[in-house]
C-alpha cells in the first residue's frame, strides 16, 4: 500500500484504523474495499499540499 503514495508505516496504520472505523459505522464485519478507499481519500499526500497550508492531524 505504501509504494504508489510513499506513505510511512505510521500513516498506513492510521488509514487502516480509519477504514476499520468506517466499516464498523457501515455495519460491516470486515474492512471493505470501499471503506479502505474512503479512508485513503482522507489522507493527502505532502506533494499535493499547497505551500503554507495548515495540516490538521487527528489522533487515533
Protein backbone atom coordinates (compact mmCIF):
# COMPACT_ATOMS: atom_id res chain seq x y z
CA UNK A 1 0.00 0.00 0.00
CA UNK A 2 2.86 2.43 0.60
CA UNK A 3 4.61 2.35 -2.77
CA UNK A 4 2.30 4.41 -5.03
CA UNK A 5 1.70 7.05 -2.37
CA UNK A 6 5.01 6.74 -0.49
CA UNK A 7 3.21 6.64 2.84
CA UNK A 8 5.09 5.72 6.01
CA UNK A 9 4.11 2.70 8.08
CA UNK A 10 2.61 5.07 10.65
CA UNK A 11 0.32 6.64 8.05
CA UNK A 12 -0.65 3.21 6.72
CA UNK A 13 -1.70 2.11 10.22
CA UNK A 14 -3.78 5.28 10.64
CA UNK A 15 -5.50 4.62 7.31
CA UNK A 16 -6.26 1.03 8.30
CA UNK A 17 -7.66 2.17 11.66
CA UNK A 18 -9.85 4.72 9.93
CA UNK A 19 -11.01 2.10 7.41
CA UNK A 20 -11.91 -0.22 10.31
CA UNK A 21 -13.95 2.58 11.91
CA UNK A 22 -15.71 3.34 8.61
CA UNK A 23 -16.54 -0.34 8.15
CA UNK A 24 -17.88 -0.50 11.73
CA UNK A 25 -20.10 2.52 11.13
CA UNK A 26 -21.41 0.84 7.97
CA UNK A 27 -22.19 -2.34 9.93
CA UNK A 28 -19.56 -4.44 8.15
CA UNK A 29 -17.85 -7.34 9.88
CA UNK A 30 -14.62 -6.87 7.92
CA UNK A 31 -12.86 -3.90 6.35
CA UNK A 32 -14.25 -3.48 2.85
CA UNK A 33 -12.52 -2.14 -0.22
CA UNK A 34 -14.93 0.80 -0.15
CA UNK A 35 -14.04 1.61 3.48
CA UNK A 36 -10.34 1.42 2.65
CA UNK A 37 -10.71 3.73 -0.35
CA UNK A 38 -12.76 6.17 1.70
CA UNK A 39 -10.08 6.22 4.40
CA UNK A 40 -7.40 6.78 1.79
CA UNK A 41 -9.22 9.82 0.44
CA UNK A 42 -8.83 11.50 3.82
CA UNK A 43 -5.04 11.13 3.67
CA UNK A 44 -3.48 13.81 1.48
CA UNK A 45 -0.02 13.43 0.06
CA UNK A 46 2.52 16.05 1.16
CA UNK A 47 3.19 16.56 -2.55
CA UNK A 48 -0.39 17.78 -3.13
CA UNK A 49 -0.49 20.28 -0.26
CA UNK A 50 -0.32 23.94 -1.13
CA UNK A 51 2.58 25.90 0.27
CA UNK A 52 1.71 27.30 3.68
CA UNK A 53 -1.39 25.11 4.03
CA UNK A 54 -2.04 24.12 7.62
CA UNK A 55 -2.14 20.39 8.26
CA UNK A 56 -4.76 19.12 10.67
CA UNK A 57 -3.94 15.81 12.30
CA UNK A 58 -6.26 13.51 14.13
CA UNK A 59 -5.08 11.36 16.99
CA UNK A 60 -6.29 7.78 16.98
